[in-house]
Amino acid sequence: MRILLVEDDAGLGEAVRDQITASGHTGDWAQTIADAKACSQTVSYDLILLDLMLPDGTGIVFFARVARGRRASAGNHPDGAGSDHRPD
């Protein structure tokens, strides 16, 4: 599973990132919304763990932007799965 962690607190971010990798998952850690946006534009994530209060905005706004993007891309595929759909 590919996970994006968005957390500005260094201690908490390190602990969560370490747990993600120890659990056998691949993870990226962004400390700002700008970094999270850059990550999500280049990588398709299965899960986003998102802090709500970040230095450059709120996690809720970022979540809404990601959700809108996924809904828009789902309309481009016959199966409705979106551009990040990976067959099993």
N, C-alpha and C. Protein backbone atom coordinates (compact mmCIF):
# COMPACT_ATOMS: atom_id res chain seq x y z
N MET A 1 0.85 -1.17 0.00
CA MET A 1 0.00 0.00 0.00
C MET A 1 0.90 1.23 0.00
N ARG A 2 0.56 2.21 -0.81
CA ARG A 2 1.30 3.48 -0.89
C ARG A 2 0.56 4.53 -0.07
N ILE A 3 1.24 5.11 0.91
CA ILE A 3 0.61 6.02 1.86
C ILE A 3 1.31 7.38 1.84
N LEU A 4 0.52 8.44 1.81
CA LEU A 4 1.03 9.79 1.97
C LEU A 4 0.69 10.28 3.37
N LEU A 5 1.69 10.62 4.14
CA LEU A 5 1.53 11.19 5.46
C LEU A 5 1.73 12.70 5.35
N VAL A 6 0.76 13.47 5.79
CA VAL A 6 0.86 14.93 5.78
C VAL A 6 0.81 15.38 7.24
N GLU A 7 1.97 15.72 7.79
CA GLU A 7 2.09 16.04 9.22
C GLU A 7 3.26 16.99 9.41
N ASP A 8 3.03 18.14 10.06
CA ASP A 8 4.09 19.11 10.25
C ASP A 8 4.89 18.91 11.53
N ASP A 9 4.39 18.16 12.47
CA ASP A 9 5.11 17.91 13.72
C ASP A 9 6.19 16.84 13.45
N ALA A 10 7.44 17.23 13.63
CA ALA A 10 8.55 16.34 13.27
C ALA A 10 8.54 15.03 14.07
N GLY A 11 8.33 15.12 15.37
CA GLY A 11 8.34 13.91 16.20
C GLY A 11 7.23 12.94 15.84
N LEU A 12 6.03 13.46 15.70
CA LEU A 12 4.89 12.62 15.33
C LEU A 12 5.05 12.08 13.91
N GLY A 13 5.51 12.93 13.00
CA GLY A 13 5.71 12.50 11.61
C GLY A 13 6.71 11.36 11.50
N GLU A 14 7.82 11.48 12.21
CA GLU A 14 8.83 10.42 12.19
C GLU A 14 8.27 9.12 12.74
N ALA A 15 7.54 9.20 13.84
CA ALA A 15 6.97 7.99 14.46
C ALA A 15 5.98 7.31 13.53
N VAL A 16 5.10 8.09 12.92
CA VAL A 16 4.10 7.50 12.01
C VAL A 16 4.78 6.95 10.77
N ARG A 17 5.73 7.70 10.20
CA ARG A 17 6.46 7.22 9.02
C ARG A 17 7.17 5.90 9.32
N ASP A 18 7.81 5.82 10.49
CA ASP A 18 8.50 4.59 10.87
C ASP A 18 7.53 3.42 11.00
N GLN A 19 6.36 3.67 11.55
CA GLN A 19 5.35 2.61 11.68
C GLN A 19 4.83 2.16 10.32
N ILE A 20 4.66 3.11 9.42
CA ILE A 20 4.21 2.78 8.06
C ILE A 20 5.20 1.83 7.40
N THR A 21 6.47 2.17 7.45
CA THR A 21 7.47 1.33 6.79
C THR A 21 7.67 0.01 7.54
N ALA A 22 7.59 0.03 8.88
CA ALA A 22 7.72 -1.20 9.65
C ALA A 22 6.58 -2.17 9.36
N SER A 23 5.44 -1.62 8.95
CA SER A 23 4.28 -2.46 8.62
C SER A 23 4.33 -2.97 7.19
N GLY A 24 5.40 -2.66 6.48
CA GLY A 24 5.58 -3.18 5.13
C GLY A 24 4.98 -2.32 4.02
N HIS A 25 4.61 -1.09 4.35
CA HIS A 25 4.02 -0.20 3.36
C HIS A 25 5.06 0.80 2.86
N THR A 26 4.77 1.40 1.74
CA THR A 26 5.61 2.46 1.20
C THR A 26 4.97 3.78 1.57
N GLY A 27 5.79 4.70 2.07
CA GLY A 27 5.22 5.96 2.50
C GLY A 27 6.05 7.16 2.12
N ASP A 28 5.35 8.26 1.88
CA ASP A 28 5.99 9.55 1.68
C ASP A 28 5.47 10.48 2.77
N TRP A 29 6.32 11.39 3.21
CA TRP A 29 5.97 12.30 4.29
C TRP A 29 6.10 13.73 3.80
N ALA A 30 5.01 14.45 3.83
CA ALA A 30 5.00 15.87 3.47
C ALA A 30 4.67 16.67 4.74
N GLN A 31 5.37 17.78 4.92
CA GLN A 31 5.15 18.59 6.12
C GLN A 31 4.32 19.84 5.85
N THR A 32 3.97 20.08 4.60
CA THR A 32 3.14 21.22 4.24
C THR A 32 2.13 20.79 3.18
N ILE A 33 1.10 21.59 3.00
CA ILE A 33 0.13 21.31 1.94
C ILE A 33 0.80 21.43 0.57
N ALA A 34 1.69 22.40 0.42
CA ALA A 34 2.39 22.56 -0.85
C ALA A 34 3.17 21.29 -1.20
N ASP A 35 3.86 20.71 -0.22
CA ASP A 35 4.60 19.47 -0.46
C ASP A 35 3.65 18.31 -0.76
N ALA A 36 2.54 18.25 -0.02
CA ALA A 36 1.56 17.18 -0.23
C ALA A 36 0.96 17.27 -1.63
N LYS A 37 0.68 18.50 -2.06
CA LYS A 37 0.14 18.70 -3.40
C LYS A 37 1.13 18.21 -4.46
N ALA A 38 2.40 18.56 -4.29
CA ALA A 38 3.42 18.12 -5.24
C ALA A 38 3.52 16.59 -5.27
N CYS A 39 3.48 15.97 -4.10
CA CYS A 39 3.53 14.50 -4.03
C CYS A 39 2.33 13.87 -4.73
N SER A 40 1.15 14.40 -4.45
CA SER A 40 -0.07 13.78 -4.98
C SER A 40 -0.24 14.00 -6.48
N GLN A 41 0.50 14.95 -7.05
CA GLN A 41 0.44 15.17 -8.49
C GLN A 41 1.32 14.19 -9.25
N THR A 42 2.27 13.58 -8.56
CA THR A 42 3.20 12.67 -9.24
C THR A 42 3.04 11.21 -8.84
N VAL A 43 2.34 10.97 -7.73
CA VAL A 43 2.20 9.61 -7.21
C VAL A 43 0.73 9.35 -6.90
N SER A 44 0.27 8.14 -7.17
CA SER A 44 -1.08 7.74 -6.80
C SER A 44 -1.03 7.03 -5.45
N TYR A 45 -1.76 7.57 -4.46
CA TYR A 45 -1.74 7.01 -3.11
C TYR A 45 -2.99 6.20 -2.83
N ASP A 46 -2.80 5.12 -2.09
CA ASP A 46 -3.93 4.30 -1.65
C ASP A 46 -4.58 4.90 -0.40
N LEU A 47 -3.79 5.64 0.37
CA LEU A 47 -4.26 6.21 1.64
C LEU A 47 -3.51 7.50 1.90
N ILE A 48 -4.23 8.51 2.39
CA ILE A 48 -3.60 9.76 2.82
C ILE A 48 -3.93 9.96 4.29
N LEU A 49 -2.90 10.03 5.13
CA LEU A 49 -3.06 10.35 6.54
C LEU A 49 -2.78 11.83 6.67
N LEU A 50 -3.78 12.59 7.10
CA LEU A 50 -3.74 14.03 6.93
C LEU A 50 -3.97 14.80 8.23
N ASP A 51 -3.00 15.61 8.60
CA ASP A 51 -3.15 16.55 9.71
C ASP A 51 -4.12 17.64 9.27
N LEU A 52 -4.93 18.14 10.17
CA LEU A 52 -5.90 19.16 9.78
C LEU A 52 -5.34 20.58 9.84
N MET A 53 -4.39 20.84 10.73
CA MET A 53 -3.84 22.19 10.87
C MET A 53 -2.37 22.16 10.48
N LEU A 54 -2.09 22.73 9.32
CA LEU A 54 -0.73 22.75 8.79
C LEU A 54 -0.26 24.19 8.63
N PRO A 55 1.04 24.42 8.51
CA PRO A 55 1.55 25.79 8.46
C PRO A 55 1.02 26.62 7.28
N ASP A 56 0.69 25.97 6.18
CA ASP A 56 0.25 26.72 4.99
C ASP A 56 -1.22 26.50 4.65
N GLY A 57 -2.01 26.04 5.60
CA GLY A 57 -3.44 25.88 5.35
C GLY A 57 -4.03 24.73 6.14
N THR A 58 -5.27 24.39 5.80
CA THR A 58 -5.94 23.31 6.51
C THR A 58 -5.95 22.03 5.67
N GLY A 59 -5.86 20.91 6.33
CA GLY A 59 -5.91 19.64 5.65
C GLY A 59 -7.24 19.40 4.97
N ILE A 60 -8.30 19.99 5.48
CA ILE A 60 -9.63 19.79 4.89
C ILE A 60 -9.67 20.35 3.47
N VAL A 61 -9.05 21.52 3.27
CA VAL A 61 -9.02 22.11 1.93
C VAL A 61 -8.23 21.21 0.98
N PHE A 62 -7.10 20.70 1.44
CA PHE A 62 -6.31 19.78 0.61
C PHE A 62 -7.11 18.53 0.28
N PHE A 63 -7.78 17.96 1.27
CA PHE A 63 -8.59 16.76 1.05
C PHE A 63 -9.67 17.02 -0.01
N ALA A 64 -10.35 18.15 0.10
CA ALA A 64 -11.40 18.49 -0.87
C ALA A 64 -10.82 18.59 -2.28
N ARG A 65 -9.65 19.17 -2.41
CA ARG A 65 -9.00 19.31 -3.71
C ARG A 65 -8.66 17.94 -4.29
N VAL A 66 -8.13 17.05 -3.46
CA VAL A 66 -7.78 15.71 -3.92
C VAL A 66 -9.05 14.94 -4.32
N ALA A 67 -10.09 15.04 -3.51
CA ALA A 67 -11.34 14.34 -3.81
C ALA A 67 -11.96 14.84 -5.11
N ARG A 68 -11.96 16.14 -5.33
CA ARG A 68 -12.49 16.69 -6.60
C ARG A 68 -11.70 16.17 -7.78
N GLY A 69 -10.38 16.11 -7.64
CA GLY A 69 -9.53 15.61 -8.72
C GLY A 69 -9.80 14.15 -9.04
N ARG A 70 -10.03 13.35 -8.03
CA ARG A 70 -10.32 11.93 -8.26
C ARG A 70 -11.68 11.74 -8.91
N ARG A 71 -12.68 12.52 -8.49
CA ARG A 71 -14.00 12.41 -9.11
C ARG A 71 -13.94 12.84 -10.56
N ALA A 72 -13.20 13.89 -10.85
CA ALA A 72 -13.10 14.38 -12.23
C ALA A 72 -12.40 13.35 -13.11
N SER A 73 -11.35 12.72 -12.61
CA SER A 73 -10.63 11.75 -13.43
C SER A 73 -11.40 10.45 -13.60
N ALA A 74 -12.29 10.13 -12.67
CA ALA A 74 -13.08 8.90 -12.77
C ALA A 74 -13.99 8.93 -13.99
N GLY A 75 -14.42 10.12 -14.39
CA GLY A 75 -15.29 10.24 -15.54
C GLY A 75 -14.59 9.96 -16.85
N ASN A 76 -13.27 9.88 -16.83
CA ASN A 76 -12.49 9.64 -18.05
C ASN A 76 -12.25 8.17 -18.33
N HIS A 77 -12.73 7.29 -17.48
CA HIS A 77 -12.45 5.86 -17.63
C HIS A 77 -13.75 5.08 -17.70
N PRO A 78 -13.82 4.12 -18.62
CA PRO A 78 -15.05 3.34 -18.77
C PRO A 78 -15.49 2.62 -17.50
N ASP A 79 -14.53 2.18 -16.70
CA ASP A 79 -14.90 1.45 -15.47
C ASP A 79 -15.18 2.39 -14.31
N GLY A 80 -14.95 3.72 -14.51
CA GLY A 80 -15.23 4.70 -13.47
C GLY A 80 -14.24 4.68 -12.32
N ALA A 81 -13.15 3.95 -12.49
CA ALA A 81 -12.23 3.78 -11.37
C ALA A 81 -11.27 4.94 -11.21
N GLY A 82 -11.10 5.79 -12.18
CA GLY A 82 -10.16 6.90 -12.07
C GLY A 82 -8.79 6.54 -12.60
N SER A 83 -7.96 7.53 -12.76
CA SER A 83 -6.66 7.31 -13.37
C SER A 83 -5.71 6.56 -12.47
N ASP A 84 -6.02 6.46 -11.18
CA ASP A 84 -5.11 5.77 -10.28
C ASP A 84 -5.49 4.32 -10.06
N HIS A 85 -6.45 3.83 -10.82
CA HIS A 85 -6.88 2.44 -10.69
C HIS A 85 -5.80 1.51 -11.21
N ARG A 86 -5.45 0.54 -10.39
CA ARG A 86 -4.47 -0.46 -10.79
C ARG A 86 -5.11 -1.82 -10.75
N PRO A 87 -5.15 -2.53 -11.86
CA PRO A 87 -5.75 -3.87 -11.85
C PRO A 87 -4.99 -4.80 -10.92
N ASP A 88 -5.72 -5.70 -10.30
CA ASP A 88 -5.07 -6.67 -9.38
C ASP A 88 -4.42 -7.79 -10.13
